[in-house]
Amino acid sequence: MKKIPIGIVEDNRDIRLALQEIVQLSNDYELVSSSINGESALIEIPITKPRIVLMDIKLGGITGIEVVRILKEAHPEILFMMCTVYEEDENIFEALKAGASGYILKKTTPAKLLEAIKELHLGGAPMSSQIARKVVDAFQLKSNIAKDEDCLQLLTKREKEILEMLSKGMQYREISEHIYIAQETVRKHVYHIYEKLHVSNRVEAVNKFFGR
């Protein structure tokens, strides 16, 4: 069976050699390029045409994320998997937006790294468990924000006006005098506000209104 060509981009010599050894000792993969920085990767990868590239993020010059962005646009068939120590949300999502299809931490064991390469080759999107959790959390947060925004769209102009006054600590009597409506009417508006925002008190309503 034909071996899958693999490329490595890593500026740390010891880590680069370790990755090379992992790939070379496997029966399924063939190491076709090993670049020490982003600049050399931009030259070597288009020539050697690996199927999968293990890409570090911090490379001393141009970042691995930028290398992925450039090469993915010119060679969409190449699959990039970030192999890095960085777990920050910003790096994760910038890498994925640039075109990376996987994100593995360097502390991953050799066996799991080879599994991740295989998964990527078969159409998956391998990620270390910590990274996958961050992606899920970010997706859920975005979903919750969208739901809150939908709820706010349901409020009438008058309800938003009353909610702003509630946020200033105004009581029902003060609100009724300020906008010339009965206190009972204010109370009904507040009831509808709570109902639409799925909250049970003033603090929750104000926090949701201001996106806290």
C-alpha atoms as a PDB file:
ATOM      1  CA  MET A   1       0.000   0.000   0.000  1.00  0.00           C
ATOM      2  CA  LYS A   2       1.295   3.454  -0.904  1.00  0.00           C
ATOM      3  CA  LYS A   3       2.494   5.438   2.081  1.00  0.00           C
ATOM      4  CA  ILE A   4       0.903   8.790   2.921  1.00  0.00           C
ATOM      5  CA  PRO A   5       3.399  11.658   2.399  1.00  0.00           C
ATOM      6  CA  ILE A   6       3.926  13.784   5.514  1.00  0.00           C
ATOM      7  CA  GLY A   7       5.518  17.196   5.991  1.00  0.00           C
ATOM      8  CA  ILE A   8       6.771  18.739   9.244  1.00  0.00           C
ATOM      9  CA  VAL A   9       7.284  22.416  10.066  1.00  0.00           C
ATOM     10  CA  GLU A  10       8.982  22.878  13.448  1.00  0.00           C
ATOM     11  CA  ASP A  11      11.725  25.278  14.536  1.00  0.00           C
ATOM     12  CA  ASN A  12      12.781  23.331  17.647  1.00  0.00           C
ATOM     13  CA  ARG A  13      15.433  20.831  16.518  1.00  0.00           C
ATOM     14  CA  ASP A  14      14.744  18.188  19.188  1.00  0.00           C
ATOM     15  CA  ILE A  15      10.997  18.248  18.632  1.00  0.00           C
ATOM     16  CA  ARG A  16      11.457  18.209  14.859  1.00  0.00           C
ATOM     17  CA  LEU A  17      13.713  15.148  15.070  1.00  0.00           C
ATOM     18  CA  ALA A  18      11.254  13.418  17.413  1.00  0.00           C
ATOM     19  CA  LEU A  19       8.373  14.025  14.989  1.00  0.00           C
ATOM     20  CA  GLN A  20      10.505  12.804  12.099  1.00  0.00           C
ATOM     21  CA  GLU A  21      11.271   9.588  13.980  1.00  0.00           C
ATOM     22  CA  ILE A  22       7.605   8.973  14.790  1.00  0.00           C
ATOM     23  CA  VAL A  23       6.660   9.343  11.127  1.00  0.00           C
ATOM     24  CA  GLN A  24       9.599   7.332   9.774  1.00  0.00           C
ATOM     25  CA  LEU A  25       9.018   4.401  12.142  1.00  0.00           C
ATOM     26  CA  SER A  26       5.427   4.063  10.936  1.00  0.00           C
ATOM     27  CA  ASN A  27       4.573   1.692   8.108  1.00  0.00           C
ATOM     28  CA  ASP A  28       1.796   3.962   6.842  1.00  0.00           C
ATOM     29  CA  TYR A  29       3.577   7.287   6.387  1.00  0.00           C
ATOM     30  CA  GLU A  30       6.508   8.690   4.456  1.00  0.00           C
ATOM     31  CA  LEU A  31       8.377  11.839   5.501  1.00  0.00           C
ATOM     32  CA  VAL A  32       8.791  14.024   2.406  1.00  0.00           C
ATOM     33  CA  SER A  33       9.711  17.388   3.942  1.00  0.00           C
ATOM     34  CA  SER A  34      10.929  18.807   7.243  1.00  0.00           C
ATOM     35  CA  SER A  35      11.149  22.598   7.449  1.00  0.00           C
ATOM     36  CA  ILE A  36      12.804  24.601  10.222  1.00  0.00           C
ATOM     37  CA  ASN A  37      10.757  27.775   9.723  1.00  0.00           C
ATOM     38  CA  GLY A  38       7.795  29.236   7.871  1.00  0.00           C
ATOM     39  CA  GLU A  39       9.833  30.794   5.107  1.00  0.00           C
ATOM     40  CA  SER A  40      11.435  27.495   4.088  1.00  0.00           C
ATOM     41  CA  ALA A  41       8.076  25.723   4.401  1.00  0.00           C
ATOM     42  CA  LEU A  42       6.565  28.080   1.822  1.00  0.00           C
ATOM     43  CA  ILE A  43       9.261  26.932  -0.617  1.00  0.00           C
ATOM     44  CA  GLU A  44       9.555  23.227   0.253  1.00  0.00           C
ATOM     45  CA  ILE A  45       5.934  22.159   0.725  1.00  0.00           C
ATOM     46  CA  PRO A  46       4.702  23.138  -2.781  1.00  0.00           C
ATOM     47  CA  ILE A  47       7.603  21.103  -4.216  1.00  0.00           C
ATOM     48  CA  THR A  48       7.347  17.969  -2.043  1.00  0.00           C
ATOM     49  CA  LYS A  49       3.516  18.029  -1.966  1.00  0.00           C
ATOM     50  CA  PRO A  50       2.804  16.215   1.321  1.00  0.00           C
ATOM     51  CA  ARG A  51      -0.752  15.026   1.927  1.00  0.00           C
ATOM     52  CA  ILE A  52      -0.588  16.111   5.580  1.00  0.00           C
ATOM     53  CA  VAL A  53       1.585  18.740   7.273  1.00  0.00           C
ATOM     54  CA  LEU A  54       2.290  18.882  11.020  1.00  0.00           C
ATOM     55  CA  MET A  55       2.605  22.607  11.686  1.00  0.00           C
ATOM     56  CA  ASP A  56       3.987  24.450  14.713  1.00  0.00           C
ATOM     57  CA  ILE A  57       2.613  27.948  15.448  1.00  0.00           C
ATOM     58  CA  LYS A  58       5.590  29.983  16.683  1.00  0.00           C
ATOM     59  CA  LEU A  59       8.393  29.583  14.140  1.00  0.00           C
ATOM     60  CA  GLY A  60      10.657  32.547  14.836  1.00  0.00           C
ATOM     61  CA  GLY A  61       9.562  34.487  11.750  1.00  0.00           C
ATOM     62  CA  ILE A  62       6.307  34.099   9.878  1.00  0.00           C
ATOM     63  CA  THR A  63       3.880  32.123  12.051  1.00  0.00           C
ATOM     64  CA  GLY A  64       2.603  28.664  11.278  1.00  0.00           C
ATOM     65  CA  ILE A  65      -0.917  30.060  11.085  1.00  0.00           C
ATOM     66  CA  GLU A  66       0.116  32.464   8.331  1.00  0.00           C
ATOM     67  CA  VAL A  67       1.926  29.660   6.491  1.00  0.00           C
ATOM     68  CA  VAL A  68      -1.262  27.589   6.588  1.00  0.00           C
ATOM     69  CA  ARG A  69      -3.290  30.533   5.294  1.00  0.00           C
ATOM     70  CA  ILE A  70      -0.944  31.077   2.340  1.00  0.00           C
ATOM     71  CA  LEU A  71      -0.452  27.429   1.389  1.00  0.00           C
ATOM     72  CA  LYS A  72      -4.087  26.409   1.871  1.00  0.00           C
ATOM     73  CA  GLU A  73      -5.188  29.044  -0.611  1.00  0.00           C
ATOM     74  CA  ALA A  74      -2.692  27.848  -3.228  1.00  0.00           C
ATOM     75  CA  HIS A  75      -2.896  24.124  -2.391  1.00  0.00           C
ATOM     76  CA  PRO A  76      -6.338  23.325  -0.921  1.00  0.00           C
ATOM     77  CA  GLU A  77      -5.679  19.583  -1.219  1.00  0.00           C
ATOM     78  CA  ILE A  78      -3.007  19.695   1.505  1.00  0.00           C
ATOM     79  CA  LEU A  79      -4.265  18.988   5.035  1.00  0.00           C
ATOM     80  CA  PHE A  80      -2.720  20.914   7.920  1.00  0.00           C
ATOM     81  CA  MET A  81      -2.679  19.812  11.538  1.00  0.00           C
ATOM     82  CA  MET A  82      -1.330  22.243  14.116  1.00  0.00           C
ATOM     83  CA  CYS A  83       1.098  20.527  16.490  1.00  0.00           C
ATOM     84  CA  THR A  84       1.843  23.040  19.226  1.00  0.00           C
ATOM     85  CA  VAL A  85       2.036  23.846  22.937  1.00  0.00           C
ATOM     86  CA  TYR A  86      -0.408  26.752  22.644  1.00  0.00           C
ATOM     87  CA  GLU A  87      -3.911  26.190  24.043  1.00  0.00           C
ATOM     88  CA  GLU A  88      -5.199  29.781  23.892  1.00  0.00           C
ATOM     89  CA  ASP A  89      -8.566  30.295  22.204  1.00  0.00           C
ATOM     90  CA  GLU A  90      -7.130  32.952  19.895  1.00  0.00           C
ATOM     91  CA  ASN A  91      -4.522  30.590  18.437  1.00  0.00           C
ATOM     92  CA  ILE A  92      -7.017  27.757  18.059  1.00  0.00           C
ATOM     93  CA  PHE A  93      -9.612  29.727  16.140  1.00  0.00           C
ATOM     94  CA  GLU A  94      -7.113  31.689  14.068  1.00  0.00           C
ATOM     95  CA  ALA A  95      -5.550  28.394  12.969  1.00  0.00           C
ATOM     96  CA  LEU A  96      -8.912  26.871  12.087  1.00  0.00           C
ATOM     97  CA  LYS A  97      -9.943  29.997  10.176  1.00  0.00           C
ATOM     98  CA  ALA A  98      -6.641  29.910   8.286  1.00  0.00           C
ATOM     99  CA  GLY A  99      -7.429  26.411   7.041  1.00  0.00           C
ATOM    100  CA  ALA A 100      -6.075  23.955   9.614  1.00  0.00           C
ATOM    101  CA  SER A 101      -8.139  20.767   9.856  1.00  0.00           C
ATOM    102  CA  GLY A 102      -6.715  19.515  13.145  1.00  0.00           C
ATOM    103  CA  TYR A 103      -5.131  20.856  16.344  1.00  0.00           C
ATOM    104  CA  ILE A 104      -2.956  18.584  18.476  1.00  0.00           C
ATOM    105  CA  LEU A 105      -0.877  19.485  21.526  1.00  0.00           C
ATOM    106  CA  LYS A 106       2.796  18.493  21.559  1.00  0.00           C
ATOM    107  CA  LYS A 107       2.322  16.525  24.772  1.00  0.00           C
ATOM    108  CA  THR A 108       0.218  14.063  22.747  1.00  0.00           C
ATOM    109  CA  THR A 109       1.717  10.561  22.798  1.00  0.00           C
ATOM    110  CA  PRO A 110       3.285   9.174  19.591  1.00  0.00           C
ATOM    111  CA  ALA A 111       0.503   6.593  19.286  1.00  0.00           C
ATOM    112  CA  LYS A 112      -2.220   9.227  19.539  1.00  0.00           C
ATOM    113  CA  LEU A 113      -0.361  11.475  17.107  1.00  0.00           C
ATOM    114  CA  LEU A 114      -0.331   8.695  14.518  1.00  0.00           C
ATOM    115  CA  GLU A 115      -4.030   8.080  15.184  1.00  0.00           C
ATOM    116  CA  ALA A 116      -4.698  11.785  14.622  1.00  0.00           C
ATOM    117  CA  ILE A 117      -2.818  11.739  11.308  1.00  0.00           C
ATOM    118  CA  LYS A 118      -4.854   8.724  10.198  1.00  0.00           C
ATOM    119  CA  GLU A 119      -8.101  10.374  11.289  1.00  0.00           C
ATOM    120  CA  LEU A 120      -7.220  13.522   9.350  1.00  0.00           C
ATOM    121  CA  HIS A 121      -6.397  11.493   6.234  1.00  0.00           C
ATOM    122  CA  LEU A 122      -9.766   9.725   6.471  1.00  0.00           C
ATOM    123  CA  GLY A 123     -11.680  12.999   6.577  1.00  0.00           C
ATOM    124  CA  GLY A 124     -11.840  13.728  10.291  1.00  0.00           C
ATOM    125  CA  ALA A 125     -10.801  16.795  12.271  1.00  0.00           C
ATOM    126  CA  PRO A 126      -8.597  15.495  15.098  1.00  0.00           C
ATOM    127  CA  MET A 127      -8.123  17.627  18.191  1.00  0.00           C
ATOM    128  CA  SER A 128      -6.619  17.076  21.612  1.00  0.00           C
ATOM    129  CA  SER A 129      -9.403  16.707  24.183  1.00  0.00           C
ATOM    130  CA  GLN A 130      -8.615  20.084  25.800  1.00  0.00           C
ATOM    131  CA  ILE A 131      -8.834  21.808  22.420  1.00  0.00           C
ATOM    132  CA  ALA A 132     -12.084  20.071  21.475  1.00  0.00           C
ATOM    133  CA  ARG A 133     -13.591  21.230  24.783  1.00  0.00           C
ATOM    134  CA  LYS A 134     -12.637  24.834  24.047  1.00  0.00           C
ATOM    135  CA  VAL A 135     -14.216  24.618  20.582  1.00  0.00           C
ATOM    136  CA  VAL A 136     -17.451  23.193  22.029  1.00  0.00           C
ATOM    137  CA  ASP A 137     -17.552  25.846  24.779  1.00  0.00           C
ATOM    138  CA  ALA A 138     -17.047  28.636  22.246  1.00  0.00           C
ATOM    139  CA  PHE A 139     -19.799  27.259  20.019  1.00  0.00           C
ATOM    140  CA  GLN A 140     -22.227  26.983  22.935  1.00  0.00           C
ATOM    141  CA  LEU A 141     -21.392  30.508  24.113  1.00  0.00           C
ATOM    142  CA  LYS A 142     -22.027  31.875  20.628  1.00  0.00           C
ATOM    143  CA  SER A 143     -25.302  29.954  20.490  1.00  0.00           C
ATOM    144  CA  ASN A 144     -26.412  31.349  23.871  1.00  0.00           C
ATOM    145  CA  ILE A 145     -25.527  34.897  22.817  1.00  0.00           C
ATOM    146  CA  ALA A 146     -27.592  34.456  19.655  1.00  0.00           C
ATOM    147  CA  LYS A 147     -30.537  33.207  21.735  1.00  0.00           C
ATOM    148  CA  ASP A 148     -30.254  36.218  24.061  1.00  0.00           C
ATOM    149  CA  GLU A 149     -30.183  38.556  21.068  1.00  0.00           C
ATOM    150  CA  ASP A 150     -33.305  36.873  19.693  1.00  0.00           C
ATOM    151  CA  CYS A 151     -35.040  37.396  23.041  1.00  0.00           C
ATOM    152  CA  LEU A 152     -34.118  41.086  23.087  1.00  0.00           C
ATOM    153  CA  GLN A 153     -35.591  41.500  19.613  1.00  0.00           C
ATOM    154  CA  LEU A 154     -38.957  40.474  21.066  1.00  0.00           C
ATOM    155  CA  LEU A 155     -39.059  43.458  23.422  1.00  0.00           C
ATOM    156  CA  THR A 156     -41.184  46.415  22.385  1.00  0.00           C
ATOM    157  CA  LYS A 157     -39.816  49.950  22.380  1.00  0.00           C
ATOM    158  CA  ARG A 158     -41.730  50.671  25.599  1.00  0.00           C
ATOM    159  CA  GLU A 159     -40.416  47.518  27.290  1.00  0.00           C
ATOM    160  CA  LYS A 160     -36.826  48.429  26.410  1.00  0.00           C
ATOM    161  CA  GLU A 161     -37.439  51.917  27.769  1.00  0.00           C
ATOM    162  CA  ILE A 162     -38.730  50.501  31.058  1.00  0.00           C
ATOM    163  CA  LEU A 163     -35.858  48.015  31.252  1.00  0.00           C
ATOM    164  CA  GLU A 164     -33.341  50.842  30.898  1.00  0.00           C
ATOM    165  CA  MET A 165     -35.034  52.667  33.776  1.00  0.00           C
ATOM    166  CA  LEU A 166     -34.991  49.487  35.869  1.00  0.00           C
ATOM    167  CA  SER A 167     -31.248  49.276  35.231  1.00  0.00           C
ATOM    168  CA  LYS A 168     -30.892  52.732  36.788  1.00  0.00           C
ATOM    169  CA  GLY A 169     -32.558  51.483  39.971  1.00  0.00           C
ATOM    170  CA  MET A 170     -35.868  53.307  39.410  1.00  0.00           C
ATOM    171  CA  GLN A 171     -38.914  51.927  41.224  1.00  0.00           C
ATOM    172  CA  TYR A 172     -42.294  51.227  39.593  1.00  0.00           C
ATOM    173  CA  ARG A 173     -43.734  54.464  41.010  1.00  0.00           C
ATOM    174  CA  GLU A 174     -40.856  56.532  39.598  1.00  0.00           C
ATOM    175  CA  ILE A 175     -41.160  54.852  36.214  1.00  0.00           C
ATOM    176  CA  SER A 176     -44.922  55.435  36.086  1.00  0.00           C
ATOM    177  CA  GLU A 177     -44.447  59.124  36.870  1.00  0.00           C
ATOM    178  CA  HIS A 178     -41.600  59.458  34.367  1.00  0.00           C
ATOM    179  CA  ILE A 179     -43.496  58.044  31.376  1.00  0.00           C
ATOM    180  CA  TYR A 180     -47.025  58.959  32.533  1.00  0.00           C
ATOM    181  CA  ILE A 181     -48.553  55.493  32.875  1.00  0.00           C
ATOM    182  CA  ALA A 182     -50.147  53.699  35.827  1.00  0.00           C
ATOM    183  CA  GLN A 183     -47.983  51.636  38.183  1.00  0.00           C
ATOM    184  CA  GLU A 184     -50.071  48.576  37.358  1.00  0.00           C
ATOM    185  CA  THR A 185     -49.256  49.090  33.677  1.00  0.00           C
ATOM    186  CA  VAL A 186     -45.556  49.278  34.543  1.00  0.00           C
ATOM    187  CA  ARG A 187     -45.949  46.052  36.500  1.00  0.00           C
ATOM    188  CA  LYS A 188     -47.528  44.325  33.493  1.00  0.00           C
ATOM    189  CA  HIS A 189     -44.737  45.540  31.210  1.00  0.00           C
ATOM    190  CA  VAL A 190     -42.134  44.175  33.622  1.00  0.00           C
ATOM    191  CA  TYR A 191     -43.965  40.839  33.754  1.00  0.00           C
ATOM    192  CA  HIS A 192     -43.835  40.609  29.949  1.00  0.00           C
ATOM    193  CA  ILE A 193     -40.147  41.597  29.958  1.00  0.00           C
ATOM    194  CA  TYR A 194     -39.312  38.778  32.375  1.00  0.00           C
ATOM    195  CA  GLU A 195     -41.389  36.351  30.331  1.00  0.00           C
ATOM    196  CA  LYS A 196     -39.700  37.249  27.027  1.00  0.00           C
ATOM    197  CA  LEU A 197     -36.180  37.188  28.468  1.00  0.00           C
ATOM    198  CA  HIS A 198     -36.802  33.985  30.449  1.00  0.00           C
ATOM    199  CA  VAL A 199     -35.689  35.578  33.712  1.00  0.00           C
ATOM    200  CA  SER A 200     -37.264  35.902  37.146  1.00  0.00           C
ATOM    201  CA  ASN A 201     -35.954  39.180  38.553  1.00  0.00           C
ATOM    202  CA  ARG A 202     -34.664  42.657  37.782  1.00  0.00           C
ATOM    203  CA  VAL A 203     -30.956  41.772  38.066  1.00  0.00           C
ATOM    204  CA  GLU A 204     -31.218  38.882  35.599  1.00  0.00           C
ATOM    205  CA  ALA A 205     -33.208  41.014  33.160  1.00  0.00           C
ATOM    206  CA  VAL A 206     -30.736  43.898  33.275  1.00  0.00           C
ATOM    207  CA  ASN A 207     -27.731  41.578  32.918  1.00  0.00           C
ATOM    208  CA  LYS A 208     -29.236  39.890  29.876  1.00  0.00           C
ATOM    209  CA  PHE A 209     -30.197  43.245  28.355  1.00  0.00           C
ATOM    210  CA  PHE A 210     -26.623  44.518  28.637  1.00  0.00           C
ATOM    211  CA  GLY A 211     -25.077  41.175  27.638  1.00  0.00           C
ATOM    212  CA  ARG A 212     -23.337  40.492  30.945  1.00  0.00           C
END
